[in-house]
Amino acid sequence: MDDPYWFGQIAAANALSDIYAMGGTPKTALNLVAFPARTMDMSILRQIIQGGIDKLRDAGVVLIGGHSIEDKEIKYGLSVTGFIHPERVLAKNSLRPGDRLVLTKPLGTGIVNTAIKAAMVSEQLSEKVTLLMATLNREAARIMADFNISACTDVTGFGLLGHLAEMISGSDCSARIVSGNVPVIPEAEEFAAMGLIPAGAYKNREFREHMITFAETVPRTIQDLLFDPQTSGGLLISVSNVHCADLVSALKAGGIADAAQIGDIIDSREERIRIV
């Protein structure tokens, strides 16, 4: 993403997601900035920070300060503080056998961003993916609070399978993913078929492949999408079987059109992920 303002928006949305994934409400934030002040116009930094401020305002979060250093590369993020009752904190690995897995945003932003760098993406698709990454997970978090949720995480740089691997590690559970149910950006699958895969996807696969088994019917392009590092991706929610269909319906009614049940949690101490 080359637009400084949207860069700031997306970075802020990404930072806020950690609070939403734990079931909390973000309240305050600190800017964390690295900027090449001697070689780049300060107006760029102002646009980045304005994007972050506007996204925080959208989330009802107060910016209370920050820290900045001079560096050769632009870096921008936020340290966010949120509130939640101690008995309602959603951990990553408090999974229950029989739960269903729900994903709230489609995969493929890493692959599309790689295609953007290669100047192969239309302006329409670029705008679509930018808005997707800048969309807060606030509404998804608000909706899931009304259901029987056991665990949740946000899908970011480790990709869907990397973050799911974190959830099952130490849980005495395994997981099954139905690849055909996973929402993806359609163009991302096309770019994956062309080999436009970010380096992070290969690293994610290498790091977690010992825990993962793919059925022979799962195409390589879909495998790549499941490892694709996401920027400000959706929530991955483990919900009781009884409430899963209602949760998905509520998410869709709340404007989260891509929400889908993508798999389930299995009582197995092997702590493995099978994709069919």
C-alpha atoms as a PDB file:
ATOM      1  CA  MET A   1       0.000   0.000   0.000  1.00  0.00           C
ATOM      2  CA  ASP A   2       1.720   3.193  -1.225  1.00  0.00           C
ATOM      3  CA  ASP A   3      -0.839   5.720   0.075  1.00  0.00           C
ATOM      4  CA  PRO A   4       0.447   7.061   3.436  1.00  0.00           C
ATOM      5  CA  TYR A   5      -3.019   7.827   4.784  1.00  0.00           C
ATOM      6  CA  TRP A   6      -4.315   4.314   4.121  1.00  0.00           C
ATOM      7  CA  PHE A   7      -1.063   2.861   5.437  1.00  0.00           C
ATOM      8  CA  GLY A   8      -1.871   4.542   8.746  1.00  0.00           C
ATOM      9  CA  GLN A   9      -5.483   3.346   8.682  1.00  0.00           C
ATOM     10  CA  ILE A  10      -4.489  -0.263   8.071  1.00  0.00           C
ATOM     11  CA  ALA A  11      -1.741  -0.238  10.697  1.00  0.00           C
ATOM     12  CA  ALA A  12      -4.178   1.055  13.300  1.00  0.00           C
ATOM     13  CA  ALA A  13      -6.866  -1.493  12.392  1.00  0.00           C
ATOM     14  CA  ASN A  14      -4.260  -4.250  12.646  1.00  0.00           C
ATOM     15  CA  ALA A  15      -3.123  -3.112  16.096  1.00  0.00           C
ATOM     16  CA  LEU A  16      -6.674  -2.852  17.421  1.00  0.00           C
ATOM     17  CA  SER A  17      -7.462  -6.419  16.342  1.00  0.00           C
ATOM     18  CA  ASP A  18      -5.477  -7.956  19.200  1.00  0.00           C
ATOM     19  CA  ILE A  19      -7.908  -6.409  21.681  1.00  0.00           C
ATOM     20  CA  TYR A  20     -10.989  -7.436  19.693  1.00  0.00           C
ATOM     21  CA  ALA A  21      -9.687 -11.014  19.401  1.00  0.00           C
ATOM     22  CA  MET A  22      -9.537 -11.313  23.183  1.00  0.00           C
ATOM     23  CA  GLY A  23     -13.114 -10.095  23.538  1.00  0.00           C
ATOM     24  CA  GLY A  24     -12.046  -6.707  24.863  1.00  0.00           C
ATOM     25  CA  THR A  25     -12.835  -3.079  24.099  1.00  0.00           C
ATOM     26  CA  PRO A  26      -9.856  -0.926  23.054  1.00  0.00           C
ATOM     27  CA  LYS A  27      -9.650   2.389  24.907  1.00  0.00           C
ATOM     28  CA  THR A  28      -6.239   4.073  24.491  1.00  0.00           C
ATOM     29  CA  ALA A  29      -3.286   3.868  22.111  1.00  0.00           C
ATOM     30  CA  LEU A  30       0.312   5.030  21.772  1.00  0.00           C
ATOM     31  CA  ASN A  31       1.897   5.689  18.372  1.00  0.00           C
ATOM     32  CA  LEU A  32       5.180   3.876  17.634  1.00  0.00           C
ATOM     33  CA  VAL A  33       7.001   5.492  14.713  1.00  0.00           C
ATOM     34  CA  ALA A  34      10.286   5.054  12.853  1.00  0.00           C
ATOM     35  CA  PHE A  35      10.848   7.518  10.009  1.00  0.00           C
ATOM     36  CA  PRO A  36      13.718   8.580   7.694  1.00  0.00           C
ATOM     37  CA  ALA A  37      13.333  12.288   8.466  1.00  0.00           C
ATOM     38  CA  ARG A  38      16.450  13.313   6.527  1.00  0.00           C
ATOM     39  CA  THR A  39      15.466  11.695   3.238  1.00  0.00           C
ATOM     40  CA  MET A  40      11.656  11.765   3.202  1.00  0.00           C
ATOM     41  CA  ASP A  41       9.194  14.624   3.365  1.00  0.00           C
ATOM     42  CA  MET A  42       7.562  14.988   6.786  1.00  0.00           C
ATOM     43  CA  SER A  43       4.185  15.431   5.085  1.00  0.00           C
ATOM     44  CA  ILE A  44       4.217  11.670   4.476  1.00  0.00           C
ATOM     45  CA  LEU A  45       4.530  11.018   8.190  1.00  0.00           C
ATOM     46  CA  ARG A  46       1.712  13.464   8.907  1.00  0.00           C
ATOM     47  CA  GLN A  47      -0.566  11.573   6.509  1.00  0.00           C
ATOM     48  CA  ILE A  48       0.323   8.215   8.088  1.00  0.00           C
ATOM     49  CA  ILE A  49      -0.406   9.485  11.569  1.00  0.00           C
ATOM     50  CA  GLN A  50      -3.638  11.146  10.417  1.00  0.00           C
ATOM     51  CA  GLY A  51      -4.783   7.831   8.968  1.00  0.00           C
ATOM     52  CA  GLY A  52      -4.101   6.158  12.286  1.00  0.00           C
ATOM     53  CA  ILE A  53      -5.879   8.884  14.239  1.00  0.00           C
ATOM     54  CA  ASP A  54      -8.959   8.659  12.027  1.00  0.00           C
ATOM     55  CA  LYS A  55      -9.131   4.889  12.463  1.00  0.00           C
ATOM     56  CA  LEU A  56      -8.744   5.238  16.234  1.00  0.00           C
ATOM     57  CA  ARG A  57     -11.541   7.800  16.230  1.00  0.00           C
ATOM     58  CA  ASP A  58     -13.710   5.350  14.285  1.00  0.00           C
ATOM     59  CA  ALA A  59     -13.007   2.751  16.976  1.00  0.00           C
ATOM     60  CA  GLY A  60     -13.703   5.144  19.848  1.00  0.00           C
ATOM     61  CA  VAL A  61     -10.076   4.974  21.001  1.00  0.00           C
ATOM     62  CA  VAL A  62      -8.070   7.906  22.413  1.00  0.00           C
ATOM     63  CA  LEU A  63      -4.494   8.532  21.256  1.00  0.00           C
ATOM     64  CA  ILE A  64      -2.547   9.499  24.399  1.00  0.00           C
ATOM     65  CA  GLY A  65       0.952   9.951  22.989  1.00  0.00           C
ATOM     66  CA  GLY A  66       3.692   7.953  21.368  1.00  0.00           C
ATOM     67  CA  HIS A  67       7.360   7.409  20.628  1.00  0.00           C
ATOM     68  CA  SER A  68       9.383   8.128  17.496  1.00  0.00           C
ATOM     69  CA  ILE A  69      12.903   7.478  16.246  1.00  0.00           C
ATOM     70  CA  GLU A  70      14.779   8.181  13.041  1.00  0.00           C
ATOM     71  CA  ASP A  71      15.352   5.090  10.903  1.00  0.00           C
ATOM     72  CA  LYS A  72      16.144   4.186   7.301  1.00  0.00           C
ATOM     73  CA  GLU A  73      12.711   2.619   6.784  1.00  0.00           C
ATOM     74  CA  ILE A  74       9.186   3.750   7.656  1.00  0.00           C
ATOM     75  CA  LYS A  75       7.664   1.799  10.511  1.00  0.00           C
ATOM     76  CA  TYR A  76       4.351   2.626  12.113  1.00  0.00           C
ATOM     77  CA  GLY A  77       2.296   0.766  14.676  1.00  0.00           C
ATOM     78  CA  LEU A  78       0.414   1.288  17.908  1.00  0.00           C
ATOM     79  CA  SER A  79       0.449  -0.061  21.427  1.00  0.00           C
ATOM     80  CA  VAL A  80      -3.203  -0.454  22.394  1.00  0.00           C
ATOM     81  CA  THR A  81      -4.789  -0.856  25.831  1.00  0.00           C
ATOM     82  CA  GLY A  82      -8.275  -2.276  26.234  1.00  0.00           C
ATOM     83  CA  PHE A  83     -10.726  -3.292  28.945  1.00  0.00           C
ATOM     84  CA  ILE A  84     -12.391  -6.637  29.640  1.00  0.00           C
ATOM     85  CA  HIS A  85     -13.733  -8.474  32.664  1.00  0.00           C
ATOM     86  CA  PRO A  86     -11.114 -11.053  33.779  1.00  0.00           C
ATOM     87  CA  GLU A  87     -13.642 -13.878  33.559  1.00  0.00           C
ATOM     88  CA  ARG A  88     -14.498 -13.062  29.926  1.00  0.00           C
ATOM     89  CA  VAL A  89     -10.998 -12.987  28.426  1.00  0.00           C
ATOM     90  CA  LEU A  90     -10.781 -15.151  25.297  1.00  0.00           C
ATOM     91  CA  ALA A  91      -7.482 -17.038  25.122  1.00  0.00           C
ATOM     92  CA  LYS A  92      -6.084 -18.591  21.957  1.00  0.00           C
ATOM     93  CA  ASN A  93      -5.858 -22.217  23.033  1.00  0.00           C
ATOM     94  CA  SER A  94      -8.869 -22.739  25.307  1.00  0.00           C
ATOM     95  CA  LEU A  95     -10.486 -24.861  22.581  1.00  0.00           C
ATOM     96  CA  ARG A  96     -13.253 -27.420  23.140  1.00  0.00           C
ATOM     97  CA  PRO A  97     -13.623 -30.644  21.149  1.00  0.00           C
ATOM     98  CA  GLY A  98     -16.718 -30.409  18.977  1.00  0.00           C
ATOM     99  CA  ASP A  99     -16.441 -26.645  18.495  1.00  0.00           C
ATOM    100  CA  ARG A 100     -16.746 -25.192  15.000  1.00  0.00           C
ATOM    101  CA  LEU A 101     -14.300 -22.703  13.480  1.00  0.00           C
ATOM    102  CA  VAL A 102     -15.570 -19.480  11.921  1.00  0.00           C
ATOM    103  CA  LEU A 103     -13.494 -17.008   9.863  1.00  0.00           C
ATOM    104  CA  THR A 104     -14.714 -13.440   9.348  1.00  0.00           C
ATOM    105  CA  LYS A 105     -12.538 -12.089   6.478  1.00  0.00           C
ATOM    106  CA  PRO A 106     -11.383 -13.705   3.219  1.00  0.00           C
ATOM    107  CA  LEU A 107      -7.753 -14.740   2.751  1.00  0.00           C
ATOM    108  CA  GLY A 108      -5.380 -13.459   0.096  1.00  0.00           C
ATOM    109  CA  THR A 109      -4.237  -9.954   1.042  1.00  0.00           C
ATOM    110  CA  GLY A 110      -0.574 -10.979   1.117  1.00  0.00           C
ATOM    111  CA  ILE A 111      -0.742 -12.454  -2.369  1.00  0.00           C
ATOM    112  CA  VAL A 112      -2.669  -9.477  -3.766  1.00  0.00           C
ATOM    113  CA  ASN A 113      -0.164  -7.056  -2.230  1.00  0.00           C
ATOM    114  CA  THR A 114       2.625  -9.029  -3.908  1.00  0.00           C
ATOM    115  CA  ALA A 115       0.764  -8.640  -7.201  1.00  0.00           C
ATOM    116  CA  ILE A 116       0.377  -4.897  -6.521  1.00  0.00           C
ATOM    117  CA  LYS A 117       4.169  -4.621  -6.241  1.00  0.00           C
ATOM    118  CA  ALA A 118       4.383  -6.312  -9.648  1.00  0.00           C
ATOM    119  CA  ALA A 119       1.900  -3.764 -11.100  1.00  0.00           C
ATOM    120  CA  MET A 120      -0.550  -6.529 -11.997  1.00  0.00           C
ATOM    121  CA  VAL A 121      -3.575  -5.363  -9.981  1.00  0.00           C
ATOM    122  CA  SER A 122      -6.444  -3.193 -11.200  1.00  0.00           C
ATOM    123  CA  GLU A 123      -7.291   0.001  -9.343  1.00  0.00           C
ATOM    124  CA  GLN A 124     -10.663  -1.501  -8.412  1.00  0.00           C
ATOM    125  CA  LEU A 125      -9.088  -4.576  -6.789  1.00  0.00           C
ATOM    126  CA  SER A 126      -6.471  -2.459  -5.036  1.00  0.00           C
ATOM    127  CA  GLU A 127      -9.202  -0.297  -3.509  1.00  0.00           C
ATOM    128  CA  LYS A 128     -11.220  -3.365  -2.513  1.00  0.00           C
ATOM    129  CA  VAL A 129      -8.298  -4.980  -0.701  1.00  0.00           C
ATOM    130  CA  THR A 130      -7.275  -1.694   0.923  1.00  0.00           C
ATOM    131  CA  LEU A 131     -10.762  -1.271   2.397  1.00  0.00           C
ATOM    132  CA  LEU A 132     -10.751  -4.904   3.529  1.00  0.00           C
ATOM    133  CA  MET A 133      -7.480  -4.442   5.417  1.00  0.00           C
ATOM    134  CA  ALA A 134      -8.639  -1.136   6.929  1.00  0.00           C
ATOM    135  CA  THR A 135     -11.927  -2.612   8.190  1.00  0.00           C
ATOM    136  CA  LEU A 136     -12.034  -2.989  11.956  1.00  0.00           C
ATOM    137  CA  ASN A 137     -12.859  -6.332  13.574  1.00  0.00           C
ATOM    138  CA  ARG A 138     -14.987  -4.386  16.057  1.00  0.00           C
ATOM    139  CA  GLU A 139     -18.359  -5.498  14.693  1.00  0.00           C
ATOM    140  CA  ALA A 140     -17.310  -9.152  14.540  1.00  0.00           C
ATOM    141  CA  ALA A 141     -16.103  -8.944  18.148  1.00  0.00           C
ATOM    142  CA  ARG A 142     -19.336  -7.284  19.259  1.00  0.00           C
ATOM    143  CA  ILE A 143     -21.447  -9.950  17.602  1.00  0.00           C
ATOM    144  CA  MET A 144     -19.445 -12.936  18.868  1.00  0.00           C
ATOM    145  CA  ALA A 145     -19.816 -11.688  22.463  1.00  0.00           C
ATOM    146  CA  ASP A 146     -23.437 -12.902  22.390  1.00  0.00           C
ATOM    147  CA  PHE A 147     -22.436 -16.506  21.622  1.00  0.00           C
ATOM    148  CA  ASN A 148     -20.742 -19.442  23.347  1.00  0.00           C
ATOM    149  CA  ILE A 149     -17.141 -18.800  22.258  1.00  0.00           C
ATOM    150  CA  SER A 150     -14.246 -20.833  23.666  1.00  0.00           C
ATOM    151  CA  ALA A 151     -11.269 -19.239  21.895  1.00  0.00           C
ATOM    152  CA  CYS A 152     -10.402 -16.594  19.335  1.00  0.00           C
ATOM    153  CA  THR A 153      -7.435 -15.071  17.526  1.00  0.00           C
ATOM    154  CA  ASP A 154      -6.904 -12.632  14.678  1.00  0.00           C
ATOM    155  CA  VAL A 155      -5.338 -13.860  11.449  1.00  0.00           C
ATOM    156  CA  THR A 156      -2.277 -11.804  10.529  1.00  0.00           C
ATOM    157  CA  GLY A 157       1.318 -12.495   9.529  1.00  0.00           C
ATOM    158  CA  PHE A 158       1.434 -16.220  10.290  1.00  0.00           C
ATOM    159  CA  GLY A 159      -1.461 -16.933   7.924  1.00  0.00           C
ATOM    160  CA  LEU A 160      -4.599 -18.896   8.746  1.00  0.00           C
ATOM    161  CA  LEU A 161      -2.786 -22.184   9.409  1.00  0.00           C
ATOM    162  CA  GLY A 162      -0.033 -20.544  11.424  1.00  0.00           C
ATOM    163  CA  HIS A 163      -2.497 -18.868  13.763  1.00  0.00           C
ATOM    164  CA  LEU A 164      -4.627 -22.008  13.988  1.00  0.00           C
ATOM    165  CA  ALA A 165      -1.454 -23.929  14.903  1.00  0.00           C
ATOM    166  CA  GLU A 166      -0.944 -21.468  17.764  1.00  0.00           C
ATOM    167  CA  MET A 167      -4.496 -22.162  18.927  1.00  0.00           C
ATOM    168  CA  ILE A 168      -4.137 -25.941  19.063  1.00  0.00           C
ATOM    169  CA  SER A 169      -0.628 -25.963  20.577  1.00  0.00           C
ATOM    170  CA  GLY A 170      -1.017 -27.017  24.198  1.00  0.00           C
ATOM    171  CA  SER A 171      -4.770 -27.516  23.864  1.00  0.00           C
ATOM    172  CA  ASP A 172      -4.872 -31.345  23.586  1.00  0.00           C
ATOM    173  CA  CYS A 173      -7.011 -30.784  20.496  1.00  0.00           C
ATOM    174  CA  SER A 174      -6.601 -31.072  16.743  1.00  0.00           C
ATOM    175  CA  ALA A 175      -8.418 -29.264  13.948  1.00  0.00           C
ATOM    176  CA  ARG A 176      -9.944 -30.051  10.576  1.00  0.00           C
ATOM    177  CA  ILE A 177     -10.295 -27.401   7.863  1.00  0.00           C
ATOM    178  CA  VAL A 178     -12.639 -27.822   4.892  1.00  0.00           C
ATOM    179  CA  SER A 179     -10.670 -25.943   2.232  1.00  0.00           C
ATOM    180  CA  GLY A 180     -13.702 -25.373   0.007  1.00  0.00           C
ATOM    181  CA  ASN A 181     -15.436 -23.462   2.806  1.00  0.00           C
ATOM    182  CA  VAL A 182     -12.609 -20.998   3.427  1.00  0.00           C
ATOM    183  CA  PRO A 183     -13.445 -17.525   2.037  1.00  0.00           C
ATOM    184  CA  VAL A 184     -10.755 -16.182  -0.301  1.00  0.00           C
ATOM    185  CA  ILE A 185     -10.300 -13.148  -2.522  1.00  0.00           C
ATOM    186  CA  PRO A 186     -11.003 -14.705  -5.964  1.00  0.00           C
ATOM    187  CA  GLU A 187      -8.215 -12.795  -7.705  1.00  0.00           C
ATOM    188  CA  ALA A 188      -5.737 -13.965  -5.071  1.00  0.00           C
ATOM    189  CA  GLU A 189      -6.209 -17.558  -6.172  1.00  0.00           C
ATOM    190  CA  GLU A 190      -5.463 -16.497  -9.758  1.00  0.00           C
ATOM    191  CA  PHE A 191      -2.289 -14.682  -8.686  1.00  0.00           C
ATOM    192  CA  ALA A 192      -1.239 -17.680  -6.603  1.00  0.00           C
ATOM    193  CA  ALA A 193      -1.537 -19.861  -9.697  1.00  0.00           C
ATOM    194  CA  MET A 194       0.906 -17.451 -11.388  1.00  0.00           C
ATOM    195  CA  GLY A 195       3.417 -17.936  -8.581  1.00  0.00           C
ATOM    196  CA  LEU A 196       2.957 -14.508  -6.972  1.00  0.00           C
ATOM    197  CA  ILE A 197       3.492 -15.844  -3.449  1.00  0.00           C
ATOM    198  CA  PRO A 198       5.059 -13.633  -0.738  1.00  0.00           C
ATOM    199  CA  ALA A 199       8.181 -14.953   0.974  1.00  0.00           C
ATOM    200  CA  GLY A 200       6.312 -15.014   4.274  1.00  0.00           C
ATOM    201  CA  ALA A 201       3.973 -17.721   2.984  1.00  0.00           C
ATOM    202  CA  TYR A 202       6.914 -20.055   2.359  1.00  0.00           C
ATOM    203  CA  LYS A 203       8.293 -19.323   5.827  1.00  0.00           C
ATOM    204  CA  ASN A 204       4.891 -19.984   7.405  1.00  0.00           C
ATOM    205  CA  ARG A 205       4.664 -23.332   5.616  1.00  0.00           C
ATOM    206  CA  GLU A 206       8.195 -24.354   6.609  1.00  0.00           C
ATOM    207  CA  PHE A 207       7.629 -23.469  10.251  1.00  0.00           C
ATOM    208  CA  ARG A 208       4.339 -25.359  10.690  1.00  0.00           C
ATOM    209  CA  GLU A 209       4.367 -28.122   8.069  1.00  0.00           C
ATOM    210  CA  HIS A 210       5.200 -30.790  10.697  1.00  0.00           C
ATOM    211  CA  MET A 211       1.746 -30.176  12.227  1.00  0.00           C
ATOM    212  CA  ILE A 212      -0.238 -30.102   8.988  1.00  0.00           C
ATOM    213  CA  THR A 213      -1.603 -32.729   6.604  1.00  0.00           C
ATOM    214  CA  PHE A 214      -3.215 -31.855   3.270  1.00  0.00           C
ATOM    215  CA  ALA A 215      -5.563 -34.211   1.467  1.00  0.00           C
ATOM    216  CA  GLU A 216      -4.394 -34.949  -2.064  1.00  0.00           C
ATOM    217  CA  THR A 217      -7.450 -33.144  -3.422  1.00  0.00           C
ATOM    218  CA  VAL A 218      -6.434 -29.748  -1.977  1.00  0.00           C
ATOM    219  CA  PRO A 219      -4.859 -27.670  -4.801  1.00  0.00           C
ATOM    220  CA  ARG A 220      -1.465 -26.070  -4.251  1.00  0.00           C
ATOM    221  CA  THR A 221      -2.988 -22.622  -4.829  1.00  0.00           C
ATOM    222  CA  ILE A 222      -5.379 -23.140  -1.915  1.00  0.00           C
ATOM    223  CA  GLN A 223      -2.529 -24.415   0.239  1.00  0.00           C
ATOM    224  CA  ASP A 224      -0.609 -21.223  -0.518  1.00  0.00           C
ATOM    225  CA  LEU A 225      -3.636 -19.119   0.431  1.00  0.00           C
ATOM    226  CA  LEU A 226      -3.951 -20.940   3.757  1.00  0.00           C
ATOM    227  CA  PHE A 227      -0.330 -19.986   4.560  1.00  0.00           C
ATOM    228  CA  ASP A 228      -0.590 -16.476   3.064  1.00  0.00           C
ATOM    229  CA  PRO A 229       0.471 -13.793   5.586  1.00  0.00           C
ATOM    230  CA  GLN A 230      -2.445 -11.449   6.131  1.00  0.00           C
ATOM    231  CA  THR A 231      -2.385  -7.767   6.964  1.00  0.00           C
ATOM    232  CA  SER A 232      -5.219  -6.890   9.340  1.00  0.00           C
ATOM    233  CA  GLY A 233      -7.057 -10.149   8.644  1.00  0.00           C
ATOM    234  CA  GLY A 234     -10.264 -11.399  10.206  1.00  0.00           C
ATOM    235  CA  LEU A 235     -11.067 -13.166  13.446  1.00  0.00           C
ATOM    236  CA  LEU A 236     -10.772 -16.948  13.732  1.00  0.00           C
ATOM    237  CA  ILE A 237     -13.427 -17.970  16.237  1.00  0.00           C
ATOM    238  CA  SER A 238     -14.001 -21.299  17.982  1.00  0.00           C
ATOM    239  CA  VAL A 239     -17.716 -21.522  18.788  1.00  0.00           C
ATOM    240  CA  SER A 240     -19.955 -24.281  20.109  1.00  0.00           C
ATOM    241  CA  ASN A 241     -21.575 -26.474  17.482  1.00  0.00           C
ATOM    242  CA  VAL A 242     -25.000 -25.451  18.749  1.00  0.00           C
ATOM    243  CA  HIS A 243     -24.351 -21.742  18.166  1.00  0.00           C
ATOM    244  CA  CYS A 244     -22.217 -21.852  15.014  1.00  0.00           C
ATOM    245  CA  ALA A 245     -24.957 -21.413  12.403  1.00  0.00           C
ATOM    246  CA  ASP A 246     -26.536 -18.586  14.393  1.00  0.00           C
ATOM    247  CA  LEU A 247     -23.174 -16.866  14.778  1.00  0.00           C
ATOM    248  CA  VAL A 248     -22.488 -16.999  11.041  1.00  0.00           C
ATOM    249  CA  SER A 249     -25.988 -15.684  10.309  1.00  0.00           C
ATOM    250  CA  ALA A 250     -25.555 -12.858  12.816  1.00  0.00           C
ATOM    251  CA  LEU A 251     -22.173 -11.905  11.332  1.00  0.00           C
ATOM    252  CA  LYS A 252     -23.631 -11.776   7.828  1.00  0.00           C
ATOM    253  CA  ALA A 253     -26.600  -9.736   9.042  1.00  0.00           C
ATOM    254  CA  GLY A 254     -24.084  -7.369  10.639  1.00  0.00           C
ATOM    255  CA  GLY A 255     -22.442  -6.684   7.292  1.00  0.00           C
ATOM    256  CA  ILE A 256     -19.651  -9.261   7.522  1.00  0.00           C
ATOM    257  CA  ALA A 257     -20.574 -10.918   4.251  1.00  0.00           C
ATOM    258  CA  ASP A 258     -17.598 -13.288   3.992  1.00  0.00           C
ATOM    259  CA  ALA A 259     -18.069 -14.912   7.411  1.00  0.00           C
ATOM    260  CA  ALA A 260     -18.070 -18.698   7.104  1.00  0.00           C
ATOM    261  CA  GLN A 261     -17.757 -21.925   9.053  1.00  0.00           C
ATOM    262  CA  ILE A 262     -14.477 -23.409   7.842  1.00  0.00           C
ATOM    263  CA  GLY A 263     -13.822 -26.420  10.066  1.00  0.00           C
ATOM    264  CA  ASP A 264     -14.029 -27.967  13.491  1.00  0.00           C
ATOM    265  CA  ILE A 265     -12.089 -28.909  16.609  1.00  0.00           C
ATOM    266  CA  ILE A 266     -11.332 -32.584  17.251  1.00  0.00           C
ATOM    267  CA  ASP A 267     -10.564 -34.344  20.537  1.00  0.00           C
ATOM    268  CA  SER A 268      -7.029 -35.479  19.710  1.00  0.00           C
ATOM    269  CA  ARG A 269      -3.842 -34.930  21.691  1.00  0.00           C
ATOM    270  CA  GLU A 270      -1.819 -35.153  18.490  1.00  0.00           C
ATOM    271  CA  GLU A 271      -2.418 -31.412  18.072  1.00  0.00           C
ATOM    272  CA  ARG A 272      -2.422 -31.584  14.288  1.00  0.00           C
ATOM    273  CA  ILE A 273      -4.324 -29.793  11.517  1.00  0.00           C
ATOM    274  CA  ARG A 274      -5.870 -31.738   8.646  1.00  0.00           C
ATOM    275  CA  ILE A 275      -7.072 -29.919   5.546  1.00  0.00           C
ATOM    276  CA  VAL A 276      -9.575 -31.689   3.289  1.00  0.00           C
END
